[in-house]
C-alpha atoms as a PDB file:
ATOM      1  CA  UNK A   1     -39.935  91.460 228.944  1.00  0.00           C
ATOM      2  CA  UNK A   2     -36.736  89.716 229.955  1.00  0.00           C
ATOM      3  CA  UNK A   3     -34.669  91.331 227.194  1.00  0.00           C
ATOM      4  CA  UNK A   4     -35.515  94.952 228.024  1.00  0.00           C
ATOM      5  CA  UNK A   5     -33.027  95.708 230.852  1.00  0.00           C
ATOM      6  CA  UNK A   6     -30.210  94.140 228.832  1.00  0.00           C
ATOM      7  CA  UNK A   7     -30.867  96.116 225.647  1.00  0.00           C
ATOM      8  CA  UNK A   8     -31.655  99.345 227.502  1.00  0.00           C
ATOM      9  CA  UNK A   9     -27.993  99.570 228.513  1.00  0.00           C
ATOM     10  CA  UNK A  10     -27.457 100.834 224.959  1.00  0.00           C
ATOM     11  CA  UNK A  11     -28.664 104.431 225.299  1.00  0.00           C
ATOM     12  CA  UNK A  12     -29.299 104.983 221.598  1.00  0.00           C
ATOM     13  CA  UNK A  13     -31.280 101.772 221.320  1.00  0.00           C
ATOM     14  CA  UNK A  14     -33.181 102.593 224.527  1.00  0.00           C
ATOM     15  CA  UNK A  15     -34.576 105.771 222.933  1.00  0.00           C
ATOM     16  CA  UNK A  16     -36.045 103.665 220.111  1.00  0.00           C
ATOM     17  CA  UNK A  17     -37.363 101.084 222.573  1.00  0.00           C
ATOM     18  CA  UNK A  18     -39.071 103.805 224.603  1.00  0.00           C
ATOM     19  CA  UNK A  19     -40.862 104.959 221.441  1.00  0.00           C
ATOM     20  CA  UNK A  20     -42.149 101.525 220.461  1.00  0.00           C
ATOM     21  CA  UNK A  21     -42.552  99.571 223.705  1.00  0.00           C
ATOM     22  CA  UNK A  22     -42.056  95.805 224.191  1.00  0.00           C
ATOM     23  CA  UNK A  23     -42.045  93.511 221.152  1.00  0.00           C
ATOM     24  CA  UNK A  24     -43.034  89.850 220.958  1.00  0.00           C
ATOM     25  CA  UNK A  25     -41.961  86.942 218.788  1.00  0.00           C
ATOM     26  CA  UNK A  26     -44.684  84.603 217.575  1.00  0.00           C
ATOM     27  CA  UNK A  27     -44.178  80.986 216.621  1.00  0.00           C
ATOM     28  CA  UNK A  28     -45.301  79.819 213.170  1.00  0.00           C
ATOM     29  CA  UNK A  29     -46.546  76.238 213.030  1.00  0.00           C
ATOM     30  CA  UNK A  30     -46.193  75.590 209.296  1.00  0.00           C
ATOM     31  CA  UNK A  31     -42.553  76.181 208.380  1.00  0.00           C
ATOM     32  CA  UNK A  32     -42.896  74.932 204.804  1.00  0.00           C
ATOM     33  CA  UNK A  33     -45.568  77.510 203.968  1.00  0.00           C
ATOM     34  CA  UNK A  34     -43.672  80.194 205.875  1.00  0.00           C
ATOM     35  CA  UNK A  35     -40.641  79.621 203.627  1.00  0.00           C
ATOM     36  CA  UNK A  36     -42.855  79.545 200.532  1.00  0.00           C
ATOM     37  CA  UNK A  37     -44.433  82.870 201.535  1.00  0.00           C
ATOM     38  CA  UNK A  38     -40.969  84.357 202.119  1.00  0.00           C
ATOM     39  CA  UNK A  39     -39.867  83.344 198.638  1.00  0.00           C
ATOM     40  CA  UNK A  40     -43.049  84.722 197.086  1.00  0.00           C
ATOM     41  CA  UNK A  41     -42.550  88.111 198.784  1.00  0.00           C
ATOM     42  CA  UNK A  42     -38.910  88.614 197.774  1.00  0.00           C
ATOM     43  CA  UNK A  43     -38.194  91.833 195.829  1.00  0.00           C
ATOM     44  CA  UNK A  44     -41.855  92.876 196.071  1.00  0.00           C
ATOM     45  CA  UNK A  45     -43.577  95.629 198.032  1.00  0.00           C
ATOM     46  CA  UNK A  46     -45.493  94.491 201.119  1.00  0.00           C
ATOM     47  CA  UNK A  47     -48.775  95.320 199.360  1.00  0.00           C
ATOM     48  CA  UNK A  48     -48.038  93.285 196.224  1.00  0.00           C
ATOM     49  CA  UNK A  49     -46.655  90.392 198.271  1.00  0.00           C
ATOM     50  CA  UNK A  50     -49.853  90.351 200.350  1.00  0.00           C
ATOM     51  CA  UNK A  51     -52.018  90.206 197.212  1.00  0.00           C
ATOM     52  CA  UNK A  52     -50.024  87.304 195.750  1.00  0.00           C
ATOM     53  CA  UNK A  53     -50.056  85.386 199.032  1.00  0.00           C
ATOM     54  CA  UNK A  54     -53.821  85.891 199.221  1.00  0.00           C
ATOM     55  CA  UNK A  55     -54.206  84.391 195.745  1.00  0.00           C
ATOM     56  CA  UNK A  56     -51.950  81.500 196.798  1.00  0.00           C
ATOM     57  CA  UNK A  57     -54.193  80.692 199.770  1.00  0.00           C
ATOM     58  CA  UNK A  58     -57.334  81.021 197.607  1.00  0.00           C
ATOM     59  CA  UNK A  59     -55.811  78.575 195.125  1.00  0.00           C
ATOM     60  CA  UNK A  60     -55.845  75.950 197.854  1.00  0.00           C
ATOM     61  CA  UNK A  61     -59.352  76.594 199.132  1.00  0.00           C
ATOM     62  CA  UNK A  62     -58.441  79.153 201.773  1.00  0.00           C
ATOM     63  CA  UNK A  63     -55.991  76.956 203.651  1.00  0.00           C
ATOM     64  CA  UNK A  64     -52.224  76.553 203.673  1.00  0.00           C
ATOM     65  CA  UNK A  65     -51.509  73.512 201.481  1.00  0.00           C
ATOM     66  CA  UNK A  66     -49.647  70.362 202.402  1.00  0.00           C
ATOM     67  CA  UNK A  67     -46.261  70.054 200.610  1.00  0.00           C
ATOM     68  CA  UNK A  68     -47.548  67.329 198.273  1.00  0.00           C
ATOM     69  CA  UNK A  69     -50.387  69.565 197.076  1.00  0.00           C
ATOM     70  CA  UNK A  70     -47.854  72.268 196.198  1.00  0.00           C
ATOM     71  CA  UNK A  71     -45.811  69.783 194.193  1.00  0.00           C
ATOM     72  CA  UNK A  72     -48.909  68.436 192.429  1.00  0.00           C
ATOM     73  CA  UNK A  73     -50.121  71.917 191.430  1.00  0.00           C
ATOM     74  CA  UNK A  74     -49.324  72.606 187.757  1.00  0.00           C
ATOM     75  CA  UNK A  75     -46.571  75.144 187.139  1.00  0.00           C
ATOM     76  CA  UNK A  76     -48.954  77.311 185.095  1.00  0.00           C
ATOM     77  CA  UNK A  77     -51.457  77.598 187.965  1.00  0.00           C
ATOM     78  CA  UNK A  78     -48.796  78.984 190.276  1.00  0.00           C
ATOM     79  CA  UNK A  79     -47.553  81.304 187.530  1.00  0.00           C
ATOM     80  CA  UNK A  80     -51.118  82.602 187.131  1.00  0.00           C
ATOM     81  CA  UNK A  81     -51.229  84.010 190.689  1.00  0.00           C
ATOM     82  CA  UNK A  82     -48.295  86.294 189.844  1.00  0.00           C
ATOM     83  CA  UNK A  83     -45.198  84.210 190.549  1.00  0.00           C
ATOM     84  CA  UNK A  84     -42.190  84.206 188.239  1.00  0.00           C
ATOM     85  CA  UNK A  85     -40.963  80.941 186.726  1.00  0.00           C
ATOM     86  CA  UNK A  86     -38.049  80.961 189.156  1.00  0.00           C
ATOM     87  CA  UNK A  87     -40.258  81.495 192.207  1.00  0.00           C
ATOM     88  CA  UNK A  88     -42.579  78.662 191.171  1.00  0.00           C
ATOM     89  CA  UNK A  89     -39.561  76.359 190.980  1.00  0.00           C
ATOM     90  CA  UNK A  90     -38.250  77.559 194.348  1.00  0.00           C
ATOM     91  CA  UNK A  91     -41.610  77.063 196.068  1.00  0.00           C
ATOM     92  CA  UNK A  92     -41.793  73.543 194.698  1.00  0.00           C
ATOM     93  CA  UNK A  93     -38.186  72.961 195.841  1.00  0.00           C
ATOM     94  CA  UNK A  94     -39.210  73.907 199.399  1.00  0.00           C
ATOM     95  CA  UNK A  95     -42.184  71.534 199.312  1.00  0.00           C
ATOM     96  CA  UNK A  96     -40.051  68.673 197.982  1.00  0.00           C
ATOM     97  CA  UNK A  97     -37.401  69.280 200.650  1.00  0.00           C
ATOM     98  CA  UNK A  98     -40.103  69.269 203.348  1.00  0.00           C
ATOM     99  CA  UNK A  99     -41.240  65.833 202.210  1.00  0.00           C
ATOM    100  CA  UNK A 100     -37.842  64.263 201.580  1.00  0.00           C
ATOM    101  CA  UNK A 101     -35.743  65.731 204.396  1.00  0.00           C
ATOM    102  CA  UNK A 102     -38.243  67.427 206.697  1.00  0.00           C
ATOM    103  CA  UNK A 103     -38.469  70.892 208.236  1.00  0.00           C
ATOM    104  CA  UNK A 104     -40.796  70.429 211.188  1.00  0.00           C
ATOM    105  CA  UNK A 105     -40.237  72.134 214.547  1.00  0.00           C
ATOM    106  CA  UNK A 106     -39.195  68.762 215.967  1.00  0.00           C
ATOM    107  CA  UNK A 107     -36.570  68.462 213.236  1.00  0.00           C
ATOM    108  CA  UNK A 108     -35.158  71.984 213.561  1.00  0.00           C
ATOM    109  CA  UNK A 109     -35.496  72.587 217.303  1.00  0.00           C
ATOM    110  CA  UNK A 110     -32.335  70.657 218.314  1.00  0.00           C
ATOM    111  CA  UNK A 111     -30.240  72.502 215.697  1.00  0.00           C
ATOM    112  CA  UNK A 112     -28.223  75.646 216.373  1.00  0.00           C
ATOM    113  CA  UNK A 113     -28.988  78.746 214.302  1.00  0.00           C
ATOM    114  CA  UNK A 114     -25.994  78.074 212.057  1.00  0.00           C
ATOM    115  CA  UNK A 115     -27.048  74.445 211.599  1.00  0.00           C
ATOM    116  CA  UNK A 116     -30.560  75.512 210.552  1.00  0.00           C
ATOM    117  CA  UNK A 117     -29.047  77.990 208.070  1.00  0.00           C
ATOM    118  CA  UNK A 118     -26.737  75.333 206.613  1.00  0.00           C
ATOM    119  CA  UNK A 119     -29.579  72.811 206.429  1.00  0.00           C
ATOM    120  CA  UNK A 120     -32.220  74.971 204.746  1.00  0.00           C
ATOM    121  CA  UNK A 121     -29.908  76.809 202.352  1.00  0.00           C
ATOM    122  CA  UNK A 122     -29.402  73.444 200.665  1.00  0.00           C
ATOM    123  CA  UNK A 123     -32.733  74.265 198.999  1.00  0.00           C
ATOM    124  CA  UNK A 124     -32.228  76.049 195.691  1.00  0.00           C
ATOM    125  CA  UNK A 125     -33.878  79.445 196.010  1.00  0.00           C
ATOM    126  CA  UNK A 126     -33.483  79.726 199.787  1.00  0.00           C
ATOM    127  CA  UNK A 127     -30.680  82.030 200.917  1.00  0.00           C
ATOM    128  CA  UNK A 128     -29.204  82.892 204.281  1.00  0.00           C
ATOM    129  CA  UNK A 129     -31.392  85.987 204.799  1.00  0.00           C
ATOM    130  CA  UNK A 130     -34.585  83.994 204.203  1.00  0.00           C
ATOM    131  CA  UNK A 131     -33.558  81.427 206.816  1.00  0.00           C
ATOM    132  CA  UNK A 132     -32.588  84.185 209.252  1.00  0.00           C
ATOM    133  CA  UNK A 133     -36.140  85.553 208.963  1.00  0.00           C
ATOM    134  CA  UNK A 134     -37.504  82.065 209.624  1.00  0.00           C
ATOM    135  CA  UNK A 135     -35.269  81.732 212.687  1.00  0.00           C
ATOM    136  CA  UNK A 136     -36.527  85.049 214.036  1.00  0.00           C
ATOM    137  CA  UNK A 137     -40.187  85.064 213.109  1.00  0.00           C
ATOM    138  CA  UNK A 138     -41.120  81.384 212.875  1.00  0.00           C
ATOM    139  CA  UNK A 139     -38.771  79.634 215.324  1.00  0.00           C
ATOM    140  CA  UNK A 140     -38.612  82.450 217.910  1.00  0.00           C
ATOM    141  CA  UNK A 141     -34.813  82.413 218.075  1.00  0.00           C
ATOM    142  CA  UNK A 142     -33.813  85.435 220.161  1.00  0.00           C
ATOM    143  CA  UNK A 143     -30.207  86.044 219.117  1.00  0.00           C
ATOM    144  CA  UNK A 144     -30.281  86.307 215.324  1.00  0.00           C
ATOM    145  CA  UNK A 145     -28.472  89.240 213.688  1.00  0.00           C
ATOM    146  CA  UNK A 146     -29.171  89.560 209.930  1.00  0.00           C
ATOM    147  CA  UNK A 147     -26.062  91.575 209.134  1.00  0.00           C
ATOM    148  CA  UNK A 148     -26.714  91.695 205.368  1.00  0.00           C
ATOM    149  CA  UNK A 149     -30.256  93.064 205.696  1.00  0.00           C
ATOM    150  CA  UNK A 150     -30.351  96.476 203.998  1.00  0.00           C
ATOM    151  CA  UNK A 151     -32.701  97.992 206.582  1.00  0.00           C
ATOM    152  CA  UNK A 152     -30.494  96.863 209.470  1.00  0.00           C
ATOM    153  CA  UNK A 153     -27.388  98.228 207.766  1.00  0.00           C
ATOM    154  CA  UNK A 154     -29.033 101.592 207.083  1.00  0.00           C
ATOM    155  CA  UNK A 155     -30.432 101.801 210.623  1.00  0.00           C
ATOM    156  CA  UNK A 156     -27.124 101.090 212.345  1.00  0.00           C
ATOM    157  CA  UNK A 157     -25.261 103.493 210.051  1.00  0.00           C
ATOM    158  CA  UNK A 158     -27.848 106.198 210.828  1.00  0.00           C
ATOM    159  CA  UNK A 159     -28.309 105.642 214.574  1.00  0.00           C
ATOM    160  CA  UNK A 160     -24.631 105.153 215.385  1.00  0.00           C
ATOM    161  CA  UNK A 161     -23.374 107.774 212.903  1.00  0.00           C
ATOM    162  CA  UNK A 162     -21.155 105.397 210.950  1.00  0.00           C
ATOM    163  CA  UNK A 163     -19.781 107.148 207.888  1.00  0.00           C
ATOM    164  CA  UNK A 164     -18.107 104.656 205.635  1.00  0.00           C
ATOM    165  CA  UNK A 165     -18.638 103.599 202.060  1.00  0.00           C
ATOM    166  CA  UNK A 166     -16.652 100.445 202.705  1.00  0.00           C
ATOM    167  CA  UNK A 167     -18.969  97.446 203.104  1.00  0.00           C
ATOM    168  CA  UNK A 168     -16.406  95.431 205.072  1.00  0.00           C
ATOM    169  CA  UNK A 169     -15.779  98.275 207.528  1.00  0.00           C
ATOM    170  CA  UNK A 170     -19.501  98.771 208.071  1.00  0.00           C
ATOM    171  CA  UNK A 171     -20.012  95.041 208.655  1.00  0.00           C
ATOM    172  CA  UNK A 172     -17.208  94.965 211.228  1.00  0.00           C
ATOM    173  CA  UNK A 173     -18.685  97.999 213.000  1.00  0.00           C
ATOM    174  CA  UNK A 174     -22.128  96.373 213.000  1.00  0.00           C
ATOM    175  CA  UNK A 175     -20.847  93.193 214.617  1.00  0.00           C
ATOM    176  CA  UNK A 176     -18.990  95.263 217.196  1.00  0.00           C
ATOM    177  CA  UNK A 177     -22.117  97.258 218.104  1.00  0.00           C
ATOM    178  CA  UNK A 178     -24.387  94.202 218.070  1.00  0.00           C
ATOM    179  CA  UNK A 179     -22.100  92.168 220.323  1.00  0.00           C
ATOM    180  CA  UNK A 180     -23.396  93.975 223.416  1.00  0.00           C
ATOM    181  CA  UNK A 181     -26.995  93.116 222.435  1.00  0.00           C
ATOM    182  CA  UNK A 182     -26.382  89.371 222.576  1.00  0.00           C
ATOM    183  CA  UNK A 183     -28.225  87.139 223.485  1.00  0.00           C
ATOM    184  CA  UNK A 184     -31.172  89.303 222.357  1.00  0.00           C
ATOM    185  CA  UNK A 185     -30.050  90.535 218.953  1.00  0.00           C
ATOM    186  CA  UNK A 186     -33.342  89.492 217.349  1.00  0.00           C
ATOM    187  CA  UNK A 187     -35.253  92.052 219.425  1.00  0.00           C
ATOM    188  CA  UNK A 188     -32.603  94.710 218.802  1.00  0.00           C
ATOM    189  CA  UNK A 189     -32.957  94.069 215.059  1.00  0.00           C
ATOM    190  CA  UNK A 190     -36.731  94.425 215.314  1.00  0.00           C
ATOM    191  CA  UNK A 191     -36.299  97.823 216.963  1.00  0.00           C
ATOM    192  CA  UNK A 192     -33.890  98.879 214.201  1.00  0.00           C
ATOM    193  CA  UNK A 193     -36.528  97.989 211.585  1.00  0.00           C
ATOM    194  CA  UNK A 194     -39.119  99.975 213.538  1.00  0.00           C
ATOM    195  CA  UNK A 195     -36.794 102.974 213.554  1.00  0.00           C
ATOM    196  CA  UNK A 196     -36.244 102.638 209.813  1.00  0.00           C
ATOM    197  CA  UNK A 197     -40.005 102.283 209.147  1.00  0.00           C
ATOM    198  CA  UNK A 198     -40.672 105.440 211.156  1.00  0.00           C
ATOM    199  CA  UNK A 199     -38.332 107.373 208.858  1.00  0.00           C
ATOM    200  CA  UNK A 200     -40.253 106.141 205.828  1.00  0.00           C
ATOM    201  CA  UNK A 201     -43.712 107.084 207.127  1.00  0.00           C
END
């Protein structure tokens, strides 16, 4: 893996990398449904989110639906699979945006990370964190650092022994630490999540 020697220069991160081995990013073809799934899973446990997404796929005959089918699906049908009123609206907003403005790989590929974030956060219900996850896990962007992610914040504070109750100070320290990981901050973030998950086992 081309990122390993670079990230292994950070001794604390290297210990985590040695425990988990190389990680891969996988491209997601359908970005509209990826965003919809992200919205559906927000503020839910992984188990509950998986159940709701399964119902969503079943609703459309076992396949990921085209944007127009999402729009044409009655609000009540989407509510019935366990989505809140707000989430139904947000999912439909994503589908409408996909049709009107587009969110294909061809459309997003030429954009920088910041341009993709600015573009997709125009959609009501889609925030910066959601787009950062899409950049990492659907577009295979290798240098994304989701600084506001709670797991990342807790991991960096724990691994690098940062003791501060000040959010601004922690954020500044995080950027300082993460700077040496660039241009592979996505992989570093994935290792931080792995470390955090190990604590919760």
